[in-house]
C-alpha cells in the first residue's frame, strides 16, 4: 500500500484569514517502508511573513520572494500525491492549507477521506501523553538532533518514522525479507533495503533440518502417556 507522509510550513494559522502555505515536504512509503522518493518545494506567498511564523520555520519574505508560486508546482505535486492516503501530524491543519492553495489556482481539493492524522492515532495509543512531533520522537527514540527549526521535508521524514512506530513498530518489517524477492515493485523501489545486501562477515547458510529423531518422538510419546487426559494423544 502506497502512502504519502507530508508536512507544510505557512505564514500563520488560518488560510481563511489570508495565511498561505510557503513550503511542503512529502515522503513516499510503500508497505510502511520509505522508498527514497520525496517531493519538496518552497512557494512565494505574495505577502509578508509575520515575525512569529518566521521564528518557527526560519523562512523570510526575502527568501520566499525568489521562489515559484504554488500554481507553477501544483501539477507536479498532485502527480506525486496520486490517489494515495496522505499522512500528516494534526492533519486537518495541513489539509486546510493544501486545499486552500489548490482552490486558489482552480484545482479540486483533496478529499478528506484520504486524510490520516497521526495526532489522532497517538491520542488513542497514548492517552494523556504529550503528542507533539518532538515528544513522539523522544518516546520512540528517534533522533531529531538536527531539527533546529521546523522544516517541511525534515518533519515529514521524522513523521514517517513516528508513523511506523504508531502503527506497529519496526517489527512490521520482519516479514519483508521473505516477501521482497517476490515483490518486484517493492524491490525496485528499495534497491538498498537490508534484504538485498549480503553480509560479508556472515555468509548465507542453508536452513538446518528441524525434524525430531525417532528417539525423540518415542520419548515424547512416553511423556505424554504419563499425563492423565492428555489432549495431544492422536
C-alpha atoms as a PDB file:
ATOM      1  CA  UNK A   1       0.000   0.000   0.000  1.00  0.00           C
ATOM      2  CA  UNK A   2       1.364   3.386  -1.012  1.00  0.00           C
ATOM      3  CA  UNK A   3       1.090   6.307   1.410  1.00  0.00           C
ATOM      4  CA  UNK A   4       2.489   9.825   1.375  1.00  0.00           C
ATOM      5  CA  UNK A   5       3.610  11.429   4.622  1.00  0.00           C
ATOM      6  CA  UNK A   6       3.655  15.210   4.324  1.00  0.00           C
ATOM      7  CA  UNK A   7       4.106  18.430   6.253  1.00  0.00           C
ATOM      8  CA  UNK A   8       3.628  22.112   5.462  1.00  0.00           C
ATOM      9  CA  UNK A   9       5.002  25.426   6.669  1.00  0.00           C
ATOM     10  CA  UNK A  10       2.806  28.516   6.490  1.00  0.00           C
ATOM     11  CA  UNK A  11       2.606  32.247   7.174  1.00  0.00           C
ATOM     12  CA  UNK A  12       0.194  31.653  10.047  1.00  0.00           C
ATOM     13  CA  UNK A  13      -2.600  29.517  11.428  1.00  0.00           C
ATOM     14  CA  UNK A  14      -5.677  30.156   9.268  1.00  0.00           C
ATOM     15  CA  UNK A  15      -5.921  30.174   5.467  1.00  0.00           C
ATOM     16  CA  UNK A  16      -9.382  31.776   5.744  1.00  0.00           C
ATOM     17  CA  UNK A  17      -7.771  34.982   7.016  1.00  0.00           C
ATOM     18  CA  UNK A  18      -5.209  35.174   4.213  1.00  0.00           C
ATOM     19  CA  UNK A  19      -2.439  32.935   5.521  1.00  0.00           C
ATOM     20  CA  UNK A  20      -0.618  30.942   2.854  1.00  0.00           C
ATOM     21  CA  UNK A  21       1.398  27.756   2.525  1.00  0.00           C
ATOM     22  CA  UNK A  22       5.083  28.512   1.868  1.00  0.00           C
ATOM     23  CA  UNK A  23       6.662  25.043   1.960  1.00  0.00           C
ATOM     24  CA  UNK A  24       5.613  21.427   1.539  1.00  0.00           C
ATOM     25  CA  UNK A  25       7.613  18.238   2.045  1.00  0.00           C
ATOM     26  CA  UNK A  26       6.392  14.763   1.091  1.00  0.00           C
ATOM     27  CA  UNK A  27       7.838  11.292   1.721  1.00  0.00           C
ATOM     28  CA  UNK A  28       6.659   8.211  -0.165  1.00  0.00           C
ATOM     29  CA  UNK A  29       6.136   4.945   1.708  1.00  0.00           C
ATOM     30  CA  UNK A  30       5.136   1.563   0.296  1.00  0.00           C
ATOM     31  CA  UNK A  31       4.129  -1.070   2.813  1.00  0.00           C
ATOM     32  CA  UNK A  32       5.251   1.324   5.597  1.00  0.00           C
ATOM     33  CA  UNK A  33       8.786   1.344   4.131  1.00  0.00           C
ATOM     34  CA  UNK A  34      10.310   4.579   2.830  1.00  0.00           C
ATOM     35  CA  UNK A  35      11.130   4.238  -0.861  1.00  0.00           C
ATOM     36  CA  UNK A  36      13.523   7.181  -1.056  1.00  0.00           C
ATOM     37  CA  UNK A  37      11.179   9.219  -3.269  1.00  0.00           C
ATOM     38  CA  UNK A  38      10.342  12.660  -1.936  1.00  0.00           C
ATOM     39  CA  UNK A  39       8.773  15.919  -3.082  1.00  0.00           C
ATOM     40  CA  UNK A  40       9.866  19.276  -1.662  1.00  0.00           C
ATOM     41  CA  UNK A  41       9.081  22.836  -2.683  1.00  0.00           C
ATOM     42  CA  UNK A  42       9.044  26.408  -1.385  1.00  0.00           C
ATOM     43  CA  UNK A  43       6.412  28.897  -2.569  1.00  0.00           C
ATOM     44  CA  UNK A  44       6.243  32.655  -2.910  1.00  0.00           C
ATOM     45  CA  UNK A  45       3.111  33.604  -0.907  1.00  0.00           C
ATOM     46  CA  UNK A  46       2.855  37.118  -2.368  1.00  0.00           C
ATOM     47  CA  UNK A  47       2.559  38.572   1.113  1.00  0.00           C
ATOM     48  CA  UNK A  48       4.614  39.401   4.186  1.00  0.00           C
ATOM     49  CA  UNK A  49       5.963  36.847   6.659  1.00  0.00           C
ATOM     50  CA  UNK A  50       4.869  37.524  10.260  1.00  0.00           C
ATOM     51  CA  UNK A  51       7.777  37.507  12.703  1.00  0.00           C
ATOM     52  CA  UNK A  52       6.211  34.794  14.892  1.00  0.00           C
ATOM     53  CA  UNK A  53       5.893  32.446  11.902  1.00  0.00           C
ATOM     54  CA  UNK A  54       9.449  33.154  10.759  1.00  0.00           C
ATOM     55  CA  UNK A  55      10.731  32.284  14.228  1.00  0.00           C
ATOM     56  CA  UNK A  56       9.158  28.823  13.835  1.00  0.00           C
ATOM     57  CA  UNK A  57      10.482  27.861  10.396  1.00  0.00           C
ATOM     58  CA  UNK A  58      13.110  30.481   9.557  1.00  0.00           C
ATOM     59  CA  UNK A  59      11.636  31.310   6.136  1.00  0.00           C
ATOM     60  CA  UNK A  60      11.812  35.035   5.435  1.00  0.00           C
ATOM     61  CA  UNK A  61       9.783  37.044   2.938  1.00  0.00           C
ATOM     62  CA  UNK A  62      13.027  37.913   1.114  1.00  0.00           C
ATOM     63  CA  UNK A  63      13.961  34.226   0.748  1.00  0.00           C
ATOM     64  CA  UNK A  64      10.496  33.233  -0.475  1.00  0.00           C
ATOM     65  CA  UNK A  65      10.277  36.138  -2.933  1.00  0.00           C
ATOM     66  CA  UNK A  66      12.705  34.256  -5.202  1.00  0.00           C
ATOM     67  CA  UNK A  67      10.662  31.037  -5.173  1.00  0.00           C
ATOM     68  CA  UNK A  68       7.956  29.987  -7.644  1.00  0.00           C
ATOM     69  CA  UNK A  69       4.280  30.448  -6.870  1.00  0.00           C
ATOM     70  CA  UNK A  70       2.169  27.436  -5.951  1.00  0.00           C
ATOM     71  CA  UNK A  71       0.473  27.369  -9.356  1.00  0.00           C
ATOM     72  CA  UNK A  72       3.799  26.576 -11.012  1.00  0.00           C
ATOM     73  CA  UNK A  73       4.283  23.391  -8.935  1.00  0.00           C
ATOM     74  CA  UNK A  74       0.678  22.271  -8.458  1.00  0.00           C
ATOM     75  CA  UNK A  75       0.683  19.708 -11.264  1.00  0.00           C
ATOM     76  CA  UNK A  76       3.968  18.126 -10.180  1.00  0.00           C
ATOM     77  CA  UNK A  77       2.774  17.962  -6.568  1.00  0.00           C
ATOM     78  CA  UNK A  78      -0.568  16.377  -7.483  1.00  0.00           C
ATOM     79  CA  UNK A  79       1.226  13.820  -9.651  1.00  0.00           C
ATOM     80  CA  UNK A  80       3.423  12.868  -6.687  1.00  0.00           C
ATOM     81  CA  UNK A  81       0.459  12.621  -4.304  1.00  0.00           C
ATOM     82  CA  UNK A  82      -1.507  10.474  -6.763  1.00  0.00           C
ATOM     83  CA  UNK A  83      -4.520   8.819  -5.158  1.00  0.00           C
ATOM     84  CA  UNK A  84      -2.650   7.663  -2.043  1.00  0.00           C
ATOM     85  CA  UNK A  85      -3.698   8.290   1.529  1.00  0.00           C
ATOM     86  CA  UNK A  86      -1.965  11.358   2.964  1.00  0.00           C
ATOM     87  CA  UNK A  87      -0.500  11.172   6.463  1.00  0.00           C
ATOM     88  CA  UNK A  88       0.171  14.317   8.493  1.00  0.00           C
ATOM     89  CA  UNK A  89       0.539  15.379  12.122  1.00  0.00           C
ATOM     90  CA  UNK A  90      -2.553  17.364  13.101  1.00  0.00           C
ATOM     91  CA  UNK A  91      -3.622  16.640   9.542  1.00  0.00           C
ATOM     92  CA  UNK A  92      -6.631  18.963   9.471  1.00  0.00           C
ATOM     93  CA  UNK A  93      -4.239  21.933   9.593  1.00  0.00           C
ATOM     94  CA  UNK A  94      -2.098  20.737   6.673  1.00  0.00           C
ATOM     95  CA  UNK A  95      -5.101  19.644   4.609  1.00  0.00           C
ATOM     96  CA  UNK A  96      -6.697  23.041   5.162  1.00  0.00           C
ATOM     97  CA  UNK A  97      -3.697  24.898   3.759  1.00  0.00           C
ATOM     98  CA  UNK A  98      -3.080  22.451   0.914  1.00  0.00           C
ATOM     99  CA  UNK A  99      -6.700  22.562  -0.222  1.00  0.00           C
ATOM    100  CA  UNK A 100      -6.772  26.342   0.082  1.00  0.00           C
ATOM    101  CA  UNK A 101      -3.833  26.599  -2.316  1.00  0.00           C
ATOM    102  CA  UNK A 102      -5.480  24.170  -4.723  1.00  0.00           C
ATOM    103  CA  UNK A 103      -8.724  26.134  -4.687  1.00  0.00           C
ATOM    104  CA  UNK A 104      -6.868  29.413  -5.305  1.00  0.00           C
ATOM    105  CA  UNK A 105      -5.495  28.005  -8.567  1.00  0.00           C
ATOM    106  CA  UNK A 106      -8.787  26.454  -9.624  1.00  0.00           C
ATOM    107  CA  UNK A 107      -7.961  22.836  -8.763  1.00  0.00           C
ATOM    108  CA  UNK A 108     -10.184  20.374  -6.950  1.00  0.00           C
ATOM    109  CA  UNK A 109      -9.479  19.989  -3.227  1.00  0.00           C
ATOM    110  CA  UNK A 110      -8.193  16.668  -1.950  1.00  0.00           C
ATOM    111  CA  UNK A 111     -10.875  14.540  -0.297  1.00  0.00           C
ATOM    112  CA  UNK A 112     -10.696  14.426   3.481  1.00  0.00           C
ATOM    113  CA  UNK A 113     -11.389  10.685   3.170  1.00  0.00           C
ATOM    114  CA  UNK A 114      -7.710  10.328   2.276  1.00  0.00           C
ATOM    115  CA  UNK A 115      -6.549  12.019   5.476  1.00  0.00           C
ATOM    116  CA  UNK A 116      -4.637  10.050   8.125  1.00  0.00           C
ATOM    117  CA  UNK A 117      -3.961  12.068  11.277  1.00  0.00           C
ATOM    118  CA  UNK A 118      -1.071  10.829  13.404  1.00  0.00           C
ATOM    119  CA  UNK A 119      -2.173  13.036  16.318  1.00  0.00           C
ATOM    120  CA  UNK A 120      -5.472  11.122  16.447  1.00  0.00           C
ATOM    121  CA  UNK A 121      -3.617   7.794  16.293  1.00  0.00           C
ATOM    122  CA  UNK A 122      -1.199   8.893  19.039  1.00  0.00           C
ATOM    123  CA  UNK A 123      -4.040  10.156  21.237  1.00  0.00           C
ATOM    124  CA  UNK A 124      -5.682   6.715  21.166  1.00  0.00           C
ATOM    125  CA  UNK A 125      -2.411   4.879  21.720  1.00  0.00           C
ATOM    126  CA  UNK A 126      -1.002   7.205  24.393  1.00  0.00           C
ATOM    127  CA  UNK A 127      -3.937   8.917  26.123  1.00  0.00           C
ATOM    128  CA  UNK A 128      -2.888  11.814  28.311  1.00  0.00           C
ATOM    129  CA  UNK A 129       0.659  11.927  26.920  1.00  0.00           C
ATOM    130  CA  UNK A 130       2.302  14.787  25.017  1.00  0.00           C
ATOM    131  CA  UNK A 131       1.532  14.403  21.333  1.00  0.00           C
ATOM    132  CA  UNK A 132       3.850  16.878  19.615  1.00  0.00           C
ATOM    133  CA  UNK A 133       6.219  15.529  16.956  1.00  0.00           C
ATOM    134  CA  UNK A 134       9.161  16.268  19.259  1.00  0.00           C
ATOM    135  CA  UNK A 135       7.520  14.392  22.143  1.00  0.00           C
ATOM    136  CA  UNK A 136       6.771  11.343  19.979  1.00  0.00           C
ATOM    137  CA  UNK A 137      10.303  11.298  18.597  1.00  0.00           C
ATOM    138  CA  UNK A 138      11.586  11.253  22.175  1.00  0.00           C
ATOM    139  CA  UNK A 139       9.157   8.494  23.155  1.00  0.00           C
ATOM    140  CA  UNK A 140      10.267   6.263  20.288  1.00  0.00           C
ATOM    141  CA  UNK A 141      13.972   7.068  20.391  1.00  0.00           C
ATOM    142  CA  UNK A 142      14.006   8.814  17.002  1.00  0.00           C
ATOM    143  CA  UNK A 143      16.974  11.151  16.535  1.00  0.00           C
ATOM    144  CA  UNK A 144      15.813  14.739  15.992  1.00  0.00           C
ATOM    145  CA  UNK A 145      19.041  16.467  16.996  1.00  0.00           C
ATOM    146  CA  UNK A 146      19.291  18.034  13.522  1.00  0.00           C
ATOM    147  CA  UNK A 147      15.868  19.680  13.883  1.00  0.00           C
ATOM    148  CA  UNK A 148      16.838  23.214  14.877  1.00  0.00           C
ATOM    149  CA  UNK A 149      13.766  24.795  13.246  1.00  0.00           C
ATOM    150  CA  UNK A 150      10.664  23.365  11.646  1.00  0.00           C
ATOM    151  CA  UNK A 151      11.159  22.287   8.041  1.00  0.00           C
ATOM    152  CA  UNK A 152       8.510  20.571   5.929  1.00  0.00           C
ATOM    153  CA  UNK A 153      10.656  17.807   4.426  1.00  0.00           C
ATOM    154  CA  UNK A 154      12.637  17.185   7.612  1.00  0.00           C
ATOM    155  CA  UNK A 155       9.437  16.995   9.662  1.00  0.00           C
ATOM    156  CA  UNK A 156       7.845  14.663   7.106  1.00  0.00           C
ATOM    157  CA  UNK A 157      10.875  12.367   7.322  1.00  0.00           C
ATOM    158  CA  UNK A 158      10.660  12.318  11.131  1.00  0.00           C
ATOM    159  CA  UNK A 159       6.920  11.764  10.986  1.00  0.00           C
ATOM    160  CA  UNK A 160       7.405   8.794   8.664  1.00  0.00           C
ATOM    161  CA  UNK A 161       9.463   7.108  11.401  1.00  0.00           C
ATOM    162  CA  UNK A 162       6.918   8.034  14.073  1.00  0.00           C
ATOM    163  CA  UNK A 163       4.085   6.712  11.878  1.00  0.00           C
ATOM    164  CA  UNK A 164       5.772   3.324  11.603  1.00  0.00           C
ATOM    165  CA  UNK A 165       6.046   3.156  15.398  1.00  0.00           C
ATOM    166  CA  UNK A 166       2.435   4.236  15.905  1.00  0.00           C
ATOM    167  CA  UNK A 167       1.163   1.577  13.523  1.00  0.00           C
ATOM    168  CA  UNK A 168       3.100  -1.471  14.650  1.00  0.00           C
ATOM    169  CA  UNK A 169       6.705  -0.523  15.206  1.00  0.00           C
ATOM    170  CA  UNK A 170       9.859  -1.647  13.456  1.00  0.00           C
ATOM    171  CA  UNK A 171       8.824  -5.303  13.706  1.00  0.00           C
ATOM    172  CA  UNK A 172       6.423  -4.775  10.803  1.00  0.00           C
ATOM    173  CA  UNK A 173       9.450  -5.163   8.544  1.00  0.00           C
ATOM    174  CA  UNK A 174      10.300  -8.665   9.736  1.00  0.00           C
ATOM    175  CA  UNK A 175       8.110 -10.313   7.116  1.00  0.00           C
ATOM    176  CA  UNK A 176       9.580  -8.317   4.257  1.00  0.00           C
ATOM    177  CA  UNK A 177      12.698 -10.452   3.955  1.00  0.00           C
ATOM    178  CA  UNK A 178      10.640 -13.344   2.642  1.00  0.00           C
ATOM    179  CA  UNK A 179       8.233 -11.190   0.689  1.00  0.00           C
ATOM    180  CA  UNK A 180      10.687  -8.887  -1.037  1.00  0.00           C
ATOM    181  CA  UNK A 181      12.074 -11.240  -3.725  1.00  0.00           C
ATOM    182  CA  UNK A 182       8.503 -11.962  -4.872  1.00  0.00           C
ATOM    183  CA  UNK A 183       7.511  -8.288  -4.859  1.00  0.00           C
ATOM    184  CA  UNK A 184       9.186  -6.669  -7.883  1.00  0.00           C
ATOM    185  CA  UNK A 185       7.651  -3.237  -7.303  1.00  0.00           C
ATOM    186  CA  UNK A 186       8.940  -3.041  -3.749  1.00  0.00           C
ATOM    187  CA  UNK A 187      12.296  -4.485  -4.791  1.00  0.00           C
ATOM    188  CA  UNK A 188      12.707  -1.799  -7.438  1.00  0.00           C
ATOM    189  CA  UNK A 189      11.645   0.970  -5.093  1.00  0.00           C
ATOM    190  CA  UNK A 190      14.011  -0.076  -2.309  1.00  0.00           C
ATOM    191  CA  UNK A 191      17.174  -1.374  -4.012  1.00  0.00           C
ATOM    192  CA  UNK A 192      19.268  -0.724  -0.904  1.00  0.00           C
ATOM    193  CA  UNK A 193      16.924  -2.411   1.545  1.00  0.00           C
ATOM    194  CA  UNK A 194      18.576  -4.749   4.089  1.00  0.00           C
ATOM    195  CA  UNK A 195      17.279  -7.928   2.467  1.00  0.00           C
ATOM    196  CA  UNK A 196      19.172  -7.075  -0.750  1.00  0.00           C
ATOM    197  CA  UNK A 197      22.561  -6.627   0.893  1.00  0.00           C
ATOM    198  CA  UNK A 198      24.606  -9.800   1.534  1.00  0.00           C
ATOM    199  CA  UNK A 199      26.687  -9.693   4.675  1.00  0.00           C
ATOM    200  CA  UNK A 200      30.413 -10.106   4.054  1.00  0.00           C
ATOM    201  CA  UNK A 201      31.134 -11.388   7.544  1.00  0.00           C
ATOM    202  CA  UNK A 202      28.072 -13.611   7.790  1.00  0.00           C
ATOM    203  CA  UNK A 203      27.789 -15.837   4.716  1.00  0.00           C
ATOM    204  CA  UNK A 204      24.390 -17.288   3.944  1.00  0.00           C
ATOM    205  CA  UNK A 205      23.755 -20.763   5.337  1.00  0.00           C
ATOM    206  CA  UNK A 206      21.231 -23.306   4.218  1.00  0.00           C
ATOM    207  CA  UNK A 207      18.413 -23.870   6.736  1.00  0.00           C
ATOM    208  CA  UNK A 208      19.037 -26.743   9.116  1.00  0.00           C
ATOM    209  CA  UNK A 209      16.568 -29.648   9.359  1.00  0.00           C
ATOM    210  CA  UNK A 210      14.306 -29.423  12.407  1.00  0.00           C
ATOM    211  CA  UNK A 211      12.532 -32.778  12.268  1.00  0.00           C
ATOM    212  CA  UNK A 212      12.573 -34.778  15.520  1.00  0.00           C
ATOM    213  CA  UNK A 213      14.510 -38.037  15.520  1.00  0.00           C
ATOM    214  CA  UNK A 214      12.732 -41.383  16.129  1.00  0.00           C
ATOM    215  CA  UNK A 215      14.255 -41.496  19.623  1.00  0.00           C
ATOM    216  CA  UNK A 216      12.946 -38.005  20.443  1.00  0.00           C
ATOM    217  CA  UNK A 217       9.484 -38.913  19.171  1.00  0.00           C
ATOM    218  CA  UNK A 218       9.451 -42.037  21.345  1.00  0.00           C
ATOM    219  CA  UNK A 219      10.466 -40.096  24.475  1.00  0.00           C
ATOM    220  CA  UNK A 220       7.715 -37.587  23.697  1.00  0.00           C
ATOM    221  CA  UNK A 221       5.098 -40.356  23.450  1.00  0.00           C
ATOM    222  CA  UNK A 222       6.253 -41.755  26.780  1.00  0.00           C
ATOM    223  CA  UNK A 223       5.994 -38.347  28.402  1.00  0.00           C
ATOM    224  CA  UNK A 224       2.500 -37.697  27.049  1.00  0.00           C
ATOM    225  CA  UNK A 225       1.369 -41.148  28.236  1.00  0.00           C
ATOM    226  CA  UNK A 226       2.056 -40.016  31.824  1.00  0.00           C
ATOM    227  CA  UNK A 227      -0.422 -37.109  31.554  1.00  0.00           C
ATOM    228  CA  UNK A 228      -3.978 -38.030  32.505  1.00  0.00           C
ATOM    229  CA  UNK A 229      -6.482 -36.995  29.821  1.00  0.00           C
ATOM    230  CA  UNK A 230      -3.827 -35.514  27.577  1.00  0.00           C
ATOM    231  CA  UNK A 231      -5.356 -33.730  24.611  1.00  0.00           C
ATOM    232  CA  UNK A 232      -2.236 -34.277  22.444  1.00  0.00           C
ATOM    233  CA  UNK A 233      -2.811 -38.016  22.016  1.00  0.00           C
ATOM    234  CA  UNK A 234      -3.723 -38.712  18.423  1.00  0.00           C
END
